[in-house]
């Protein structure tokens, strides 16, 4: 008879693979977990240069918030609480590396574009781990109560998590020229400033002051009906989604689905394949399509197909705020 398989939590510290990363001071593991030391009351990142504690005094945590809720304070040597100051440079490099010309061509042709990998596995785990920390969110939406589908999502409150706070303005800056070109083609007078902070100020002055970036969680049988994320008068015409779970391992099903409705034509659907950490940008509401007599508008909607098994986490970055 086979012995039952132990979870990581049940394993002795010395047999836990995370302990090997701590012993090796593996920088690539930073952000994927944290460890605390009961005798000192501190928590560290895996690469901490401090002398290693005895394994029996060590506990592992998925997120900084989890370690702090357990009563541990950040280490003064590795400063795990100051990681929030680092994403800006990393994010700027990743966003700059995107082939924005190819993205613009895809957006013009199909209304969406894959952006490649924006987050590491550790960053995905960190972000998804925020879901159970109620202090990070302003509201929770249970989709079935509103006829939106099945599953739930939560809107972050300000201040946003460091990665989202860094990604939002960096992505906006790259997308604003395309957004202005689209508005010009569709005959819409509104233009978008180069800096996201200026656009957010415009939203807030119009009473749209509630942050809209969100985390979505789907379980088996959950889905999201086709919809558009419109929250007031000021709408940035593009938004970004980042998959935080691994398809085929964490879940099956749950594909991102986009539909496009053209005048006097039947709707066209697209399924956007994503892996963990990968992002896609797509139209929020309308996009221009070149016709024989100039450009015309097509109506876009997006949703998520039924999850067949497992659990799926997604981060959504919407650039306008809500009333």
Foldseek 3Di string as FASTA:
>chain_A
DDDDDDDLQPDQQVPRVLNVLLVVLPPVCFLQKWKDFQVVQAIAGSNFPDDDDDSVRMDMGREPVRSVVVRGHYDPRRPSVCVLVVVQVVQLVLLVPFPLVVQLVCCQVPQKGWRFFRDDLSNLSHVVVCPPVVVQFDDKDQCVVPVFWGFIKTFGFPPHRSNLNNNLFSVCLSCQVVLQVQCVQAVHPDHDDNTLVVVQVVLVVVVQNGGGKMKTKDFAFTKGDWDFDDADDDFRFKKKKAWSAAEPPQFDFWWKKKWKADPPDDIDMDTDDDGHRIMMMGTRFWGWHQDPVGIHIIGMIIMITGIRHHMIMMIMHGSYGHD
